[in-house]
PDB file of N, CA and C in Angstrom:
ATOM      1  N   ALA A   1     -19.192  15.394  -2.109  1.00  0.00           N
ATOM      2  CA  ALA A   1     -20.305  14.488  -2.425  1.00  0.00           C
ATOM      3  C   ALA A   1     -20.273  13.364  -1.343  1.00  0.00           C
ATOM      4  N   PRO A   2     -21.413  13.018  -0.800  1.00  0.00           N
ATOM      5  CA  PRO A   2     -21.473  12.011   0.266  1.00  0.00           C
ATOM      6  C   PRO A   2     -20.889  10.666  -0.122  1.00  0.00           C
ATOM      7  N   LEU A   3     -21.166  10.209  -1.364  1.00  0.00           N
ATOM      8  CA  LEU A   3     -20.641   8.900  -1.738  1.00  0.00           C
ATOM      9  C   LEU A   3     -19.142   8.910  -1.799  1.00  0.00           C
ATOM     10  N   MET A   4     -18.542   9.981  -2.345  1.00  0.00           N
ATOM     11  CA  MET A   4     -17.086  10.035  -2.437  1.00  0.00           C
ATOM     12  C   MET A   4     -16.457  10.034  -1.056  1.00  0.00           C
ATOM     13  N   ARG A   5     -17.092  10.753  -0.134  1.00  0.00           N
ATOM     14  CA  ARG A   5     -16.593  10.794   1.252  1.00  0.00           C
ATOM     15  C   ARG A   5     -16.595   9.426   1.884  1.00  0.00           C
ATOM     16  N   ILE A   6     -17.671   8.637   1.666  1.00  0.00           N
ATOM     17  CA  ILE A   6     -17.747   7.276   2.143  1.00  0.00           C
ATOM     18  C   ILE A   6     -16.693   6.428   1.526  1.00  0.00           C
ATOM     19  N   LEU A   7     -16.557   6.499   0.221  1.00  0.00           N
ATOM     20  CA  LEU A   7     -15.514   5.688  -0.460  1.00  0.00           C
ATOM     21  C   LEU A   7     -14.085   6.041   0.057  1.00  0.00           C
ATOM     22  N   ARG A   8     -13.814   7.333   0.242  1.00  0.00           N
ATOM     23  CA  ARG A   8     -12.545   7.778   0.783  1.00  0.00           C
ATOM     24  C   ARG A   8     -12.326   7.286   2.197  1.00  0.00           C
ATOM     25  N   GLN A   9     -13.328   7.513   3.029  1.00  0.00           N
ATOM     26  CA  GLN A   9     -13.158   7.151   4.494  1.00  0.00           C
ATOM     27  C   GLN A   9     -13.039   5.657   4.676  1.00  0.00           C
ATOM     28  N   GLU A  10     -13.711   4.831   3.897  1.00  0.00           N
ATOM     29  CA  GLU A  10     -13.685   3.389   4.002  1.00  0.00           C
ATOM     30  C   GLU A  10     -12.488   2.773   3.216  1.00  0.00           C
ATOM     31  N   GLY A  11     -11.815   3.591   2.419  1.00  0.00           N
ATOM     32  CA  GLY A  11     -10.688   3.093   1.650  1.00  0.00           C
ATOM     33  C   GLY A  11     -11.082   2.157   0.548  1.00  0.00           C
ATOM     34  N   ILE A  12     -12.309   2.303   0.087  1.00  0.00           N
ATOM     35  CA  ILE A  12     -12.808   1.447  -0.977  1.00  0.00           C
ATOM     36  C   ILE A  12     -12.201   1.809  -2.322  1.00  0.00           C
ATOM     37  N   ARG A  13     -11.658   0.792  -2.990  1.00  0.00           N
ATOM     38  CA  ARG A  13     -11.038   1.036  -4.302  1.00  0.00           C
ATOM     39  C   ARG A  13     -12.086   0.671  -5.367  1.00  0.00           C
ATOM     40  N   LEU A  14     -12.256   1.591  -6.328  1.00  0.00           N
ATOM     41  CA  LEU A  14     -13.143   1.351  -7.469  1.00  0.00           C
ATOM     42  C   LEU A  14     -12.310   0.810  -8.659  1.00  0.00           C
ATOM     43  N   ASN A  15     -12.758  -0.266  -9.283  1.00  0.00           N
ATOM     44  CA  ASN A  15     -12.144  -0.816 -10.459  1.00  0.00           C
ATOM     45  C   ASN A  15     -12.719  -0.126 -11.692  1.00  0.00           C
ATOM     46  N   VAL A  16     -11.981   0.704 -12.321  1.00  0.00           N
ATOM     47  CA  VAL A  16     -12.455   1.561 -13.394  1.00  0.00           C
ATOM     48  C   VAL A  16     -12.017   0.990 -14.737  1.00  0.00           C
ATOM     49  N   CYS A  17     -12.929   0.898 -15.642  1.00  0.00           N
ATOM     50  CA  CYS A  17     -12.727   0.420 -17.027  1.00  0.00           C
ATOM     51  C   CYS A  17     -13.012   1.599 -18.009  1.00  0.00           C
ATOM     52  N   PRO A  18     -12.033   2.503 -18.202  1.00  0.00           N
ATOM     53  CA  PRO A  18     -12.351   3.693 -19.007  1.00  0.00           C
ATOM     54  C   PRO A  18     -12.846   3.507 -20.368  1.00  0.00           C
ATOM     55  N   GLY A  19     -12.283   2.581 -21.142  1.00  0.00           N
ATOM     56  CA  GLY A  19     -12.686   2.351 -22.540  1.00  0.00           C
ATOM     57  C   GLY A  19     -14.170   1.966 -22.618  1.00  0.00           C
ATOM     58  N   SER A  20     -14.579   0.969 -21.743  1.00  0.00           N
ATOM     59  CA  SER A  20     -15.988   0.533 -21.787  1.00  0.00           C
ATOM     60  C   SER A  20     -16.841   1.621 -21.249  1.00  0.00           C
ATOM     61  N   ASN A  21     -16.422   2.398 -20.283  1.00  0.00           N
ATOM     62  CA  ASN A  21     -17.210   3.531 -19.780  1.00  0.00           C
ATOM     63  C   ASN A  21     -17.562   4.519 -20.878  1.00  0.00           C
ATOM     64  N   VAL A  22     -16.610   4.785 -21.768  1.00  0.00           N
ATOM     65  CA  VAL A  22     -16.835   5.629 -22.909  1.00  0.00           C
ATOM     66  C   VAL A  22     -17.743   4.988 -23.945  1.00  0.00           C
ATOM     67  N   ALA A  23     -17.452   3.683 -24.245  1.00  0.00           N
ATOM     68  CA  ALA A  23     -18.263   2.954 -25.210  1.00  0.00           C
ATOM     69  C   ALA A  23     -19.689   2.796 -24.826  1.00  0.00           C
ATOM     70  N   LEU A  24     -19.943   2.733 -23.501  1.00  0.00           N
ATOM     71  CA  LEU A  24     -21.317   2.560 -22.958  1.00  0.00           C
ATOM     72  C   LEU A  24     -21.953   3.892 -22.598  1.00  0.00           C
ATOM     73  N   SER A  25     -21.253   4.998 -22.934  1.00  0.00           N
ATOM     74  CA  SER A  25     -21.740   6.348 -22.641  1.00  0.00           C
ATOM     75  C   SER A  25     -21.875   6.706 -21.181  1.00  0.00           C
ATOM     76  N   ALA A  26     -21.090   6.011 -20.311  1.00  0.00           N
ATOM     77  CA  ALA A  26     -21.065   6.405 -18.893  1.00  0.00           C
ATOM     78  C   ALA A  26     -20.113   7.576 -18.701  1.00  0.00           C
ATOM     79  N   SER A  27     -19.295   7.801 -19.717  1.00  0.00           N
ATOM     80  CA  SER A  27     -18.363   8.966 -19.707  1.00  0.00           C
ATOM     81  C   SER A  27     -18.318   9.523 -21.112  1.00  0.00           C
ATOM     82  N   PRO A  28     -18.289  10.827 -21.322  1.00  0.00           N
ATOM     83  CA  PRO A  28     -18.361  11.379 -22.683  1.00  0.00           C
ATOM     84  C   PRO A  28     -17.141  11.008 -23.559  1.00  0.00           C
ATOM     85  N   ASP A  29     -15.952  11.002 -22.908  1.00  0.00           N
ATOM     86  CA  ASP A  29     -14.729  10.606 -23.639  1.00  0.00           C
ATOM     87  C   ASP A  29     -13.646  10.457 -22.566  1.00  0.00           C
ATOM     88  N   LEU A  30     -12.496   9.975 -23.021  1.00  0.00           N
ATOM     89  CA  LEU A  30     -11.434   9.748 -22.045  1.00  0.00           C
ATOM     90  C   LEU A  30     -10.914  11.044 -21.456  1.00  0.00           C
ATOM     91  N   ALA A  31     -10.866  12.109 -22.188  1.00  0.00           N
ATOM     92  CA  ALA A  31     -10.319  13.431 -21.723  1.00  0.00           C
ATOM     93  C   ALA A  31     -11.173  13.931 -20.593  1.00  0.00           C
ATOM     94  N   HIS A  32     -12.483  13.528 -20.520  1.00  0.00           N
ATOM     95  CA  HIS A  32     -13.335  14.022 -19.453  1.00  0.00           C
ATOM     96  C   HIS A  32     -13.767  12.870 -18.549  1.00  0.00           C
ATOM     97  N   HIS A  33     -13.024  11.804 -18.532  1.00  0.00           N
ATOM     98  CA  HIS A  33     -13.426  10.641 -17.715  1.00  0.00           C
ATOM     99  C   HIS A  33     -13.404  11.026 -16.220  1.00  0.00           C
ATOM    100  N   GLN A  34     -14.323  10.448 -15.489  1.00  0.00           N
ATOM    101  CA  GLN A  34     -14.490  10.688 -14.072  1.00  0.00           C
ATOM    102  C   GLN A  34     -13.358  10.201 -13.183  1.00  0.00           C
ATOM    103  N   ILE A  35     -12.419   9.411 -13.709  1.00  0.00           N
ATOM    104  CA  ILE A  35     -11.303   8.948 -12.933  1.00  0.00           C
ATOM    105  C   ILE A  35     -10.548  10.113 -12.279  1.00  0.00           C
ATOM    106  N   ARG A  36     -10.437  11.161 -13.036  1.00  0.00           N
ATOM    107  CA  ARG A  36      -9.669  12.320 -12.492  1.00  0.00           C
ATOM    108  C   ARG A  36     -10.421  12.888 -11.307  1.00  0.00           C
ATOM    109  N   THR A  37     -11.688  13.083 -11.373  1.00  0.00           N
ATOM    110  CA  THR A  37     -12.483  13.547 -10.248  1.00  0.00           C
ATOM    111  C   THR A  37     -12.427  12.627  -9.017  1.00  0.00           C
ATOM    112  N   LEU A  38     -12.489  11.308  -9.271  1.00  0.00           N
ATOM    113  CA  LEU A  38     -12.333  10.373  -8.181  1.00  0.00           C
ATOM    114  C   LEU A  38     -11.005  10.551  -7.509  1.00  0.00           C
ATOM    115  N   LEU A  39      -9.920  10.577  -8.264  1.00  0.00           N
ATOM    116  CA  LEU A  39      -8.598  10.758  -7.661  1.00  0.00           C
ATOM    117  C   LEU A  39      -8.460  12.087  -6.942  1.00  0.00           C
ATOM    118  N   ASP A  40      -8.963  13.125  -7.538  1.00  0.00           N
ATOM    119  CA  ASP A  40      -8.889  14.471  -6.882  1.00  0.00           C
ATOM    120  C   ASP A  40      -9.662  14.505  -5.602  1.00  0.00           C
ATOM    121  N   ASN A  41     -10.612  13.611  -5.413  1.00  0.00           N
ATOM    122  CA  ASN A  41     -11.389  13.550  -4.190  1.00  0.00           C
ATOM    123  C   ASN A  41     -10.899  12.441  -3.223  1.00  0.00           C
ATOM    124  N   GLY A  42      -9.710  11.911  -3.535  1.00  0.00           N
ATOM    125  CA  GLY A  42      -9.109  10.953  -2.644  1.00  0.00           C
ATOM    126  C   GLY A  42      -9.658   9.535  -2.676  1.00  0.00           C
ATOM    127  N   VAL A  43     -10.436   9.249  -3.729  1.00  0.00           N
ATOM    128  CA  VAL A  43     -10.980   7.872  -3.904  1.00  0.00           C
ATOM    129  C   VAL A  43      -9.917   7.023  -4.542  1.00  0.00           C
ATOM    130  N   ARG A  44      -9.764   5.835  -3.995  1.00  0.00           N
ATOM    131  CA  ARG A  44      -8.807   4.897  -4.564  1.00  0.00           C
ATOM    132  C   ARG A  44      -9.402   4.256  -5.844  1.00  0.00           C
ATOM    133  N   VAL A  45      -8.583   4.139  -6.835  1.00  0.00           N
ATOM    134  CA  VAL A  45      -9.051   3.471  -8.100  1.00  0.00           C
ATOM    135  C   VAL A  45      -8.015   2.571  -8.671  1.00  0.00           C
ATOM    136  N   SER A  46      -8.407   1.600  -9.449  1.00  0.00           N
ATOM    137  CA  SER A  46      -7.500   0.806 -10.270  1.00  0.00           C
ATOM    138  C   SER A  46      -7.978   0.904 -11.728  1.00  0.00           C
ATOM    139  N   VAL A  47      -7.074   0.901 -12.633  1.00  0.00           N
ATOM    140  CA  VAL A  47      -7.442   0.920 -14.068  1.00  0.00           C
ATOM    141  C   VAL A  47      -7.483  -0.494 -14.578  1.00  0.00           C
ATOM    142  N   ASN A  48      -8.592  -0.778 -15.160  1.00  0.00           N
ATOM    143  CA  ASN A  48      -8.810  -2.170 -15.653  1.00  0.00           C
ATOM    144  C   ASN A  48      -9.365  -2.149 -17.058  1.00  0.00           C
ATOM    145  N   SER A  49      -9.414  -3.298 -17.693  1.00  0.00           N
ATOM    146  CA  SER A  49     -10.097  -3.381 -19.005  1.00  0.00           C
ATOM    147  C   SER A  49     -11.326  -4.262 -18.771  1.00  0.00           C
ATOM    148  N   ASP A  50     -12.355  -3.986 -19.576  1.00  0.00           N
ATOM    149  CA  ASP A  50     -13.567  -4.790 -19.530  1.00  0.00           C
ATOM    150  C   ASP A  50     -13.382  -5.941 -20.537  1.00  0.00           C
ATOM    151  N   ASP A  51     -14.386  -6.725 -20.790  1.00  0.00           N
ATOM    152  CA  ASP A  51     -14.350  -7.849 -21.656  1.00  0.00           C
ATOM    153  C   ASP A  51     -13.568  -7.550 -23.001  1.00  0.00           C
ATOM    154  N   ARG A  52     -12.387  -8.127 -23.128  1.00  0.00           N
ATOM    155  CA  ARG A  52     -11.518  -7.817 -24.250  1.00  0.00           C
ATOM    156  C   ARG A  52     -12.208  -8.236 -25.577  1.00  0.00           C
ATOM    157  N   THR A  53     -12.952  -9.223 -25.550  1.00  0.00           N
ATOM    158  CA  THR A  53     -13.569  -9.724 -26.808  1.00  0.00           C
ATOM    159  C   THR A  53     -14.647  -8.712 -27.236  1.00  0.00           C
ATOM    160  N   VAL A  54     -15.230  -7.947 -26.337  1.00  0.00           N
ATOM    161  CA  VAL A  54     -16.227  -6.974 -26.711  1.00  0.00           C
ATOM    162  C   VAL A  54     -15.585  -5.613 -26.985  1.00  0.00           C
ATOM    163  N   PHE A  55     -14.692  -5.174 -26.082  1.00  0.00           N
ATOM    164  CA  PHE A  55     -14.176  -3.827 -26.141  1.00  0.00           C
ATOM    165  C   PHE A  55     -12.786  -3.722 -26.778  1.00  0.00           C
ATOM    166  N   GLY A  56     -12.087  -4.889 -26.907  1.00  0.00           N
ATOM    167  CA  GLY A  56     -10.832  -4.944 -27.634  1.00  0.00           C
ATOM    168  C   GLY A  56      -9.643  -4.160 -26.982  1.00  0.00           C
ATOM    169  N   ARG A  57      -9.677  -4.066 -25.653  1.00  0.00           N
ATOM    170  CA  ARG A  57      -8.628  -3.266 -25.029  1.00  0.00           C
ATOM    171  C   ARG A  57      -8.021  -4.118 -23.866  1.00  0.00           C
ATOM    172  N   THR A  58      -6.671  -3.944 -23.712  1.00  0.00           N
ATOM    173  CA  THR A  58      -6.014  -4.530 -22.587  1.00  0.00           C
ATOM    174  C   THR A  58      -5.856  -3.429 -21.505  1.00  0.00           C
ATOM    175  N   VAL A  59      -5.392  -3.852 -20.312  1.00  0.00           N
ATOM    176  CA  VAL A  59      -5.143  -2.924 -19.263  1.00  0.00           C
ATOM    177  C   VAL A  59      -4.077  -1.919 -19.720  1.00  0.00           C
ATOM    178  N   SER A  60      -3.043  -2.428 -20.398  1.00  0.00           N
ATOM    179  CA  SER A  60      -2.026  -1.514 -20.952  1.00  0.00           C
ATOM    180  C   SER A  60      -2.617  -0.460 -21.930  1.00  0.00           C
ATOM    181  N   ASP A  61      -3.542  -0.920 -22.745  1.00  0.00           N
ATOM    182  CA  ASP A  61      -4.223   0.004 -23.661  1.00  0.00           C
ATOM    183  C   ASP A  61      -4.938   1.087 -22.903  1.00  0.00           C
ATOM    184  N   GLU A  62      -5.584   0.679 -21.791  1.00  0.00           N
ATOM    185  CA  GLU A  62      -6.323   1.654 -20.928  1.00  0.00           C
ATOM    186  C   GLU A  62      -5.441   2.673 -20.369  1.00  0.00           C
ATOM    187  N   TYR A  63      -4.253   2.255 -19.809  1.00  0.00           N
ATOM    188  CA  TYR A  63      -3.301   3.169 -19.279  1.00  0.00           C
ATOM    189  C   TYR A  63      -2.822   4.164 -20.376  1.00  0.00           C
ATOM    190  N   ARG A  64      -2.385   3.647 -21.527  1.00  0.00           N
ATOM    191  CA  ARG A  64      -1.950   4.521 -22.595  1.00  0.00           C
ATOM    192  C   ARG A  64      -2.979   5.455 -23.073  1.00  0.00           C
ATOM    193  N   ALA A  65      -4.231   4.997 -23.166  1.00  0.00           N
ATOM    194  CA  ALA A  65      -5.312   5.882 -23.639  1.00  0.00           C
ATOM    195  C   ALA A  65      -5.570   7.031 -22.667  1.00  0.00           C
ATOM    196  N   LEU A  66      -5.572   6.708 -21.356  1.00  0.00           N
ATOM    197  CA  LEU A  66      -5.757   7.790 -20.363  1.00  0.00           C
ATOM    198  C   LEU A  66      -4.623   8.829 -20.464  1.00  0.00           C
ATOM    199  N   HIS A  67      -3.413   8.334 -20.682  1.00  0.00           N
ATOM    200  CA  HIS A  67      -2.267   9.259 -20.861  1.00  0.00           C
ATOM    201  C   HIS A  67      -2.387  10.067 -22.139  1.00  0.00           C
ATOM    202  N   ALA A  68      -2.688   9.391 -23.216  1.00  0.00           N
ATOM    203  CA  ALA A  68      -2.812  10.092 -24.546  1.00  0.00           C
ATOM    204  C   ALA A  68      -3.903  11.120 -24.498  1.00  0.00           C
ATOM    205  N   ALA A  69      -4.997  10.871 -23.792  1.00  0.00           N
ATOM    206  CA  ALA A  69      -6.054  11.830 -23.710  1.00  0.00           C
ATOM    207  C   ALA A  69      -5.788  13.026 -22.767  1.00  0.00           C
ATOM    208  N   GLY A  70      -4.688  12.893 -22.030  1.00  0.00           N
ATOM    209  CA  GLY A  70      -4.363  13.967 -21.094  1.00  0.00           C
ATOM    210  C   GLY A  70      -5.104  13.908 -19.759  1.00  0.00           C
ATOM    211  N   THR A  71      -5.767  12.775 -19.536  1.00  0.00           N
ATOM    212  CA  THR A  71      -6.617  12.629 -18.301  1.00  0.00           C
ATOM    213  C   THR A  71      -5.700  12.464 -17.146  1.00  0.00           C
ATOM    214  N   LEU A  72      -4.683  11.584 -17.223  1.00  0.00           N
ATOM    215  CA  LEU A  72      -3.704  11.377 -16.166  1.00  0.00           C
ATOM    216  C   LEU A  72      -2.337  11.400 -16.714  1.00  0.00           C
ATOM    217  N   ASP A  73      -1.452  12.070 -15.957  1.00  0.00           N
ATOM    218  CA  ASP A  73      -0.012  12.114 -16.453  1.00  0.00           C
ATOM    219  C   ASP A  73       0.661  10.839 -15.952  1.00  0.00           C
ATOM    220  N   ALA A  74       1.900  10.661 -16.337  1.00  0.00           N
ATOM    221  CA  ALA A  74       2.630   9.440 -15.997  1.00  0.00           C
ATOM    222  C   ALA A  74       2.742   9.224 -14.483  1.00  0.00           C
ATOM    223  N   ALA A  75       2.978  10.318 -13.732  1.00  0.00           N
ATOM    224  CA  ALA A  75       3.082  10.216 -12.271  1.00  0.00           C
ATOM    225  C   ALA A  75       1.760   9.749 -11.704  1.00  0.00           C
ATOM    226  N   ALA A  76       0.634  10.236 -12.131  1.00  0.00           N
ATOM    227  CA  ALA A  76      -0.650   9.797 -11.587  1.00  0.00           C
ATOM    228  C   ALA A  76      -0.911   8.365 -11.949  1.00  0.00           C
ATOM    229  N   LEU A  77      -0.654   7.996 -13.184  1.00  0.00           N
ATOM    230  CA  LEU A  77      -0.790   6.569 -13.621  1.00  0.00           C
ATOM    231  C   LEU A  77       0.048   5.625 -12.792  1.00  0.00           C
ATOM    232  N   TYR A  78       1.282   6.051 -12.558  1.00  0.00           N
ATOM    233  CA  TYR A  78       2.176   5.183 -11.731  1.00  0.00           C
ATOM    234  C   TYR A  78       1.604   5.099 -10.291  1.00  0.00           C
ATOM    235  N   ALA A  79       1.105   6.152  -9.727  1.00  0.00           N
ATOM    236  CA  ALA A  79       0.543   6.138  -8.379  1.00  0.00           C
ATOM    237  C   ALA A  79      -0.704   5.205  -8.340  1.00  0.00           C
ATOM    238  N   VAL A  80      -1.510   5.287  -9.380  1.00  0.00           N
ATOM    239  CA  VAL A  80      -2.714   4.395  -9.437  1.00  0.00           C
ATOM    240  C   VAL A  80      -2.186   2.933  -9.486  1.00  0.00           C
ATOM    241  N   TRP A  81      -1.228   2.668 -10.372  1.00  0.00           N
ATOM    242  CA  TRP A  81      -0.729   1.296 -10.495  1.00  0.00           C
ATOM    243  C   TRP A  81      -0.152   0.800  -9.167  1.00  0.00           C
ATOM    244  N   ARG A  82       0.629   1.617  -8.574  1.00  0.00           N
ATOM    245  CA  ARG A  82       1.234   1.177  -7.270  1.00  0.00           C
ATOM    246  C   ARG A  82       0.190   0.913  -6.195  1.00  0.00           C
ATOM    247  N   ASP A  83      -0.820   1.818  -6.128  1.00  0.00           N
ATOM    248  CA  ASP A  83      -1.869   1.621  -5.151  1.00  0.00           C
ATOM    249  C   ASP A  83      -2.709   0.368  -5.411  1.00  0.00           C
ATOM    250  N   SER A  84      -2.846   0.083  -6.718  1.00  0.00           N
ATOM    251  CA  SER A  84      -3.683  -1.097  -7.096  1.00  0.00           C
ATOM    252  C   SER A  84      -3.011  -2.409  -6.667  1.00  0.00           C
ATOM    253  N   LEU A  85      -1.696  -2.354  -6.371  1.00  0.00           N
ATOM    254  CA  LEU A  85      -1.013  -3.540  -5.895  1.00  0.00           C
ATOM    255  C   LEU A  85      -1.087  -3.703  -4.404  1.00  0.00           C
ATOM    256  N   ALA A  86      -1.539  -2.702  -3.695  1.00  0.00           N
ATOM    257  CA  ALA A  86      -1.623  -2.752  -2.239  1.00  0.00           C
ATOM    258  C   ALA A  86      -2.892  -3.474  -1.861  1.00  0.00           C
ATOM    259  N   ASP A  87      -2.759  -4.126  -0.668  1.00  0.00           N
ATOM    260  CA  ASP A  87      -3.865  -4.870  -0.107  1.00  0.00           C
ATOM    261  C   ASP A  87      -4.909  -5.227  -1.126  1.00  0.00           C
TER     262      ASP A  87
END
């Protein structure tokens, strides 16, 4: 996809909020969240939480939920976390 190619080439990191993506119907559920596709296409991502007062989730909750849903394994989550600390 052209957009993913640009994101990858430019090293643009997307801040992803999985819980709110599902709540707002941008993703059907966590098991099928697009974060996996982004990573598989070399797009940099960070896992974030959206407004906690609205969605009731912390960043830690988001990581645990992605793992529990089988979307990302511990190694992938660790890699995302490490990359999110870079530049």
